[in-house]
Amino acid sequence: MTKPKVRTLFLSDIHLGFRHARVRELNEFLQGVEAETIVLVGDIVDALSLARRAFWTPQHTRVVRTLLARQRAGARLVYIPGNHDASLAVLAGMLQGQFEVHREWVHRTARGERLLVLHGDQFDGLGSCPPWLNRLGDSLHGATVAVSHGVNNLRRLLGKPYWALSERLKLSFAASVRFISEFEHLAARHAHAQGYDGVVCGHIHRANLCHIEGTLYANTGDWVESCSALIETSRGELQLLRWPNRAHPVPRPANGLIADAA
């Protein structure tokens, strides 16, 4: 069967090298889609986790090989480093320079929209969340991710679909919801202030596709909690995909595009 081909595929926060990364689901997802351009929006390899405790399986290697195979087959591969792989030491060694690297990148859709693409760690520390609450949130997040990983491994054995349990738990805490909302508004305002029509990012492991104060905000999600990706169709329409490939079209603004800032 012919795989559906999209104009652009955005992936972020895969966290290869992290024991709770959902690489089996990602490999299955990649086998079902072809893209003219693949944009890796940071934290593809989790160098921080690898430095603490080495963890790597054939499924992790398969992700890298699949991406390289797409690049050799003619797909454009763009990489934007995140906070977990900013040094690029691990990734550069594996990919041997076969990709474009940018701290920030501007993507022009088939509709002519100019989207600022960045990982999102640029906004760390700009919000109002106190440091102690960040540390507490990190501890709770680690615990929920571990529980979710175990539950979904069992569900997979039983033939049941992936369940974004960690994401659901995260959204049940008011402080977490406020942090996410604040991050989304910071990213959208940053893109708008620079004259872009929208922003594409990752970092906070919360997939979303919406308009904030007239600016497009797209977060690819991740492959630890939400198992999601962002695609652009051949017509320039953005869709958020959650494994197993349930698409959510983006609502279009009523007032047209923001002026193109050349």
Protein backbone atom coordinates (compact mmCIF):
# COMPACT_ATOMS: atom_id res chain seq x y z
CA MET A 1 0.00 0.00 0.00
CA THR A 2 1.19 3.53 -0.79
CA LYS A 3 2.03 5.56 2.28
CA PRO A 4 0.32 8.94 2.60
CA LYS A 5 2.81 11.70 1.82
CA VAL A 6 2.73 15.03 3.58
CA ARG A 7 4.58 18.22 2.78
CA THR A 8 6.17 18.59 6.22
CA LEU A 9 6.45 16.42 9.31
CA PHE A 10 7.37 18.05 12.64
CA LEU A 11 8.63 15.81 15.45
CA SER A 12 10.02 16.76 18.84
CA ASP A 13 10.84 15.39 22.28
CA ILE A 14 11.48 11.81 21.22
CA HIS A 15 14.08 11.46 24.01
CA LEU A 16 16.06 8.59 22.54
CA GLY A 17 18.15 7.13 25.35
CA PHE A 18 15.40 7.65 27.93
CA ARG A 19 13.93 4.37 29.19
CA HIS A 20 10.35 5.69 29.10
CA ALA A 21 10.44 6.92 25.49
CA ARG A 22 7.66 5.36 23.40
CA VAL A 23 9.90 4.33 20.52
CA ARG A 24 7.81 1.34 19.42
CA GLU A 25 4.84 3.59 18.80
CA LEU A 26 7.06 6.11 17.00
CA ASN A 27 8.54 3.48 14.71
CA GLU A 28 5.05 2.29 13.80
CA PHE A 29 4.00 5.88 13.15
CA LEU A 30 7.01 6.55 10.90
CA GLN A 31 6.28 3.48 8.81
CA GLY A 32 2.88 4.94 7.97
CA VAL A 33 3.87 8.37 6.67
CA GLU A 34 6.23 9.92 4.12
CA ALA A 35 7.26 13.58 4.16
CA GLU A 36 9.07 15.91 1.78
CA THR A 37 10.62 17.71 4.78
CA ILE A 38 11.16 16.36 8.29
CA VAL A 39 11.77 18.96 11.00
CA LEU A 40 13.15 17.66 14.30
CA VAL A 41 12.17 20.26 16.88
CA GLY A 42 14.61 19.37 19.66
CA ASP A 43 15.22 16.76 22.37
CA ILE A 44 15.49 13.98 19.82
CA VAL A 45 18.28 12.35 21.83
CA ASP A 46 18.14 12.66 25.61
CA ALA A 47 21.82 13.28 26.31
CA LEU A 48 21.02 14.20 29.92
CA SER A 49 19.44 10.81 30.60
CA LEU A 50 22.26 9.00 28.80
CA ALA A 51 24.81 10.82 30.96
CA ARG A 52 23.06 9.61 34.12
CA ARG A 53 22.36 6.06 33.01
CA ALA A 54 23.08 4.54 29.61
CA PHE A 55 19.97 3.06 28.01
CA TRP A 56 19.59 2.16 24.36
CA THR A 57 17.65 -0.55 22.53
CA PRO A 58 17.39 -1.68 18.89
CA GLN A 59 14.11 0.25 18.70
CA HIS A 60 16.01 3.48 19.49
CA THR A 61 18.52 2.69 16.75
CA ARG A 62 15.68 1.97 14.34
CA VAL A 63 14.31 5.50 14.78
CA VAL A 64 17.69 6.97 13.80
CA ARG A 65 18.07 4.62 10.83
CA THR A 66 14.58 5.42 9.58
CA LEU A 67 15.22 9.17 9.68
CA LEU A 68 18.55 8.74 7.89
CA ALA A 69 16.92 6.50 5.28
CA ARG A 70 14.30 9.17 4.58
CA GLN A 71 17.09 11.73 4.17
CA ARG A 72 18.97 9.48 1.73
CA ALA A 73 15.73 8.92 -0.20
CA GLY A 74 15.43 12.67 -0.81
CA ALA A 75 13.61 14.11 2.20
CA ARG A 76 14.99 17.31 3.65
CA LEU A 77 16.05 16.81 7.28
CA VAL A 78 16.18 19.89 9.52
CA TYR A 79 17.30 19.66 13.13
CA ILE A 80 16.69 22.25 15.86
CA PRO A 81 18.44 21.35 19.14
CA GLY A 82 16.61 21.38 22.46
CA ASN A 83 17.76 21.60 26.05
CA HIS A 84 18.38 17.85 26.36
CA ASP A 85 20.58 17.63 23.26
CA ALA A 86 21.89 21.17 22.84
CA SER A 87 25.52 20.04 22.64
CA LEU A 88 24.65 17.81 19.63
CA ALA A 89 27.59 15.63 20.68
CA VAL A 90 25.58 12.39 20.72
CA LEU A 91 23.36 13.17 17.76
CA ALA A 92 26.13 14.55 15.55
CA GLY A 93 28.14 11.40 16.10
CA MET A 94 25.24 9.20 14.98
CA LEU A 95 24.06 11.28 12.05
CA GLN A 96 27.57 12.19 10.85
CA GLY A 97 26.56 15.66 9.73
CA GLN A 98 23.80 14.50 7.39
CA PHE A 99 21.29 17.14 8.49
CA GLU A 100 20.75 20.88 8.67
CA VAL A 101 21.12 22.40 12.14
CA HIS A 102 19.50 25.67 13.21
CA ARG A 103 18.84 27.17 16.64
CA GLU A 104 15.67 28.70 15.16
CA TRP A 105 14.23 28.14 11.71
CA VAL A 106 11.53 29.80 9.61
CA HIS A 107 9.13 27.49 7.81
CA ARG A 108 6.95 28.81 5.00
CA THR A 109 3.81 26.77 4.45
CA ALA A 110 2.25 26.05 1.08
CA ARG A 111 -0.27 28.80 1.95
CA GLY A 112 2.51 31.32 2.40
CA GLU A 113 2.41 31.54 6.20
CA ARG A 114 5.73 32.12 7.93
CA LEU A 115 6.13 30.02 11.05
CA LEU A 116 8.95 30.43 13.56
CA VAL A 117 10.20 26.98 14.58
CA LEU A 118 12.10 26.59 17.85
CA HIS A 119 12.28 24.05 20.65
CA GLY A 120 10.84 26.28 23.38
CA ASP A 121 13.48 26.13 26.11
CA GLN A 122 14.19 29.77 25.23
CA PHE A 123 11.21 30.66 27.41
CA ASP A 124 12.40 28.86 30.54
CA GLY A 125 12.63 31.25 33.45
CA LEU A 126 10.47 33.90 31.78
CA GLY A 127 7.26 32.77 33.47
CA SER A 128 6.00 33.41 36.97
CA CYS A 129 6.44 29.87 38.34
CA PRO A 130 8.75 29.86 41.42
CA PRO A 131 11.81 27.54 41.38
CA TRP A 132 10.54 25.33 44.21
CA LEU A 133 7.34 24.64 42.30
CA ASN A 134 9.36 23.75 39.20
CA ARG A 135 11.35 21.20 41.22
CA LEU A 136 8.20 19.73 42.70
CA GLY A 137 6.62 19.57 39.27
CA ASP A 138 9.65 17.76 37.86
CA SER A 139 9.45 15.12 40.60
CA LEU A 140 5.73 14.57 40.09
CA HIS A 141 6.20 14.49 36.33
CA GLY A 142 8.87 11.78 36.60
CA ALA A 143 6.59 9.65 38.75
CA THR A 144 3.57 9.98 36.44
CA VAL A 145 5.67 9.22 33.36
CA ALA A 146 6.97 6.02 35.00
CA VAL A 147 3.44 4.93 35.92
CA SER A 148 2.12 5.76 32.45
CA HIS A 149 4.96 3.82 30.82
CA GLY A 150 4.18 0.70 32.84
CA VAL A 151 0.44 0.95 32.19
CA ASN A 152 0.94 1.37 28.44
CA ASN A 153 3.39 -1.51 28.23
CA LEU A 154 0.67 -3.69 29.76
CA ARG A 155 -1.99 -2.26 27.43
CA ARG A 156 0.27 -3.02 24.46
CA LEU A 157 0.60 -6.64 25.56
CA LEU A 158 -3.20 -6.82 25.79
CA GLY A 159 -3.58 -5.35 22.29
CA LYS A 160 -5.11 -2.12 23.53
CA PRO A 161 -4.27 1.35 22.06
CA TYR A 162 -1.91 3.83 23.66
CA TRP A 163 -3.43 5.88 26.48
CA ALA A 164 -1.88 9.27 27.29
CA LEU A 165 -2.26 8.74 31.04
CA SER A 166 0.64 10.99 32.06
CA GLU A 167 -0.74 13.85 29.98
CA ARG A 168 -4.19 13.44 31.52
CA LEU A 169 -2.74 13.48 35.04
CA LYS A 170 -0.67 16.56 34.24
CA LEU A 171 -3.75 18.44 33.10
CA SER A 172 -5.55 17.61 36.34
CA PHE A 173 -3.28 19.95 38.33
CA ALA A 174 -4.20 23.65 38.23
CA ALA A 175 -0.56 24.73 38.62
CA SER A 176 0.45 22.60 35.63
CA VAL A 177 -2.36 24.00 33.49
CA ARG A 178 -1.32 27.56 34.39
CA PHE A 179 2.32 26.81 33.49
CA ILE A 180 1.31 25.36 30.11
CA SER A 181 -0.96 28.31 29.32
CA GLU A 182 1.74 30.79 30.26
CA PHE A 183 4.28 29.02 28.05
CA GLU A 184 1.88 28.97 25.10
CA HIS A 185 1.18 32.69 25.38
CA LEU A 186 4.90 33.51 25.70
CA ALA A 187 5.69 31.52 22.54
CA ALA A 188 2.83 33.01 20.53
CA ARG A 189 3.65 36.58 21.57
CA HIS A 190 7.34 36.03 20.78
CA ALA A 191 6.49 34.93 17.23
CA HIS A 192 4.00 37.75 16.74
CA ALA A 193 6.48 40.38 17.97
CA GLN A 194 8.93 39.25 15.30
CA GLY A 195 6.35 39.46 12.55
CA TYR A 196 5.62 35.78 12.04
CA ASP A 197 2.23 34.21 11.45
CA GLY A 198 2.79 31.55 14.06
CA VAL A 199 5.15 29.42 16.07
CA VAL A 200 5.94 25.70 16.09
CA CYS A 201 7.62 24.31 19.21
CA GLY A 202 7.85 21.38 21.61
CA HIS A 203 9.56 21.25 25.01
CA ILE A 204 6.60 21.12 27.42
CA HIS A 205 5.19 17.76 26.23
CA ARG A 206 1.75 19.19 25.62
CA ALA A 207 0.45 18.80 22.07
CA ASN A 208 -1.75 21.68 20.96
CA LEU A 209 -2.85 23.46 17.82
CA CYS A 210 -4.78 26.71 18.22
CA HIS A 211 -4.70 30.47 17.73
CA ILE A 212 -3.62 32.69 20.62
CA GLU A 213 -4.46 36.36 20.23
CA GLY A 214 -4.58 35.86 16.45
CA THR A 215 -1.24 34.02 16.22
CA LEU A 216 -0.99 30.35 15.33
CA TYR A 217 0.45 28.23 18.13
CA ALA A 218 1.49 24.67 17.30
CA ASN A 219 3.14 22.30 19.74
CA THR A 220 4.15 18.94 18.31
CA GLY A 221 3.79 17.18 21.64
CA ASP A 222 6.22 14.37 22.34
CA TRP A 223 6.93 10.63 22.24
CA VAL A 224 7.10 10.08 25.98
CA GLU A 225 3.60 11.12 27.01
CA SER A 226 1.29 12.22 24.18
CA CYS A 227 2.71 10.23 21.22
CA SER A 228 1.92 13.03 18.78
CA ALA A 229 3.30 14.86 15.76
CA LEU A 230 2.44 17.85 13.61
CA ILE A 231 2.05 17.62 9.84
CA GLU A 232 1.52 20.05 6.99
CA THR A 233 -0.51 18.70 4.09
CA SER A 234 0.25 19.45 0.46
CA ARG A 235 -2.35 22.25 0.66
CA GLY A 236 -0.57 23.89 3.58
CA GLU A 237 -3.09 22.77 6.21
CA LEU A 238 -1.66 21.92 9.62
CA GLN A 239 -2.89 18.87 11.51
CA LEU A 240 -1.99 17.43 14.87
CA LEU A 241 -1.70 13.65 14.80
CA ARG A 242 -1.95 11.49 17.88
CA TRP A 243 -0.96 7.86 17.64
CA PRO A 244 -2.61 5.90 16.14
CA ASN A 245 -3.03 8.67 13.55
CA ARG A 246 -6.14 10.51 14.62
CA ALA A 247 -5.98 13.90 12.89
CA HIS A 248 -7.17 17.20 14.36
CA PRO A 249 -7.37 20.01 11.73
CA VAL A 250 -6.27 23.48 12.82
CA PRO A 251 -8.97 26.18 12.93
CA ARG A 252 -8.24 28.99 10.51
CA PRO A 253 -8.29 32.65 11.64
CA ALA A 254 -11.06 34.87 10.34
CA ASN A 255 -8.83 37.88 9.74
CA GLY A 256 -6.31 36.41 7.31
CA LEU A 257 -2.53 36.41 7.64
CA ILE A 258 -0.29 38.69 9.62
CA ALA A 259 1.74 40.94 7.34
CA ASP A 260 4.85 39.20 6.00
CA ALA A 261 7.93 40.73 7.62
CA ALA A 262 10.70 40.18 5.11
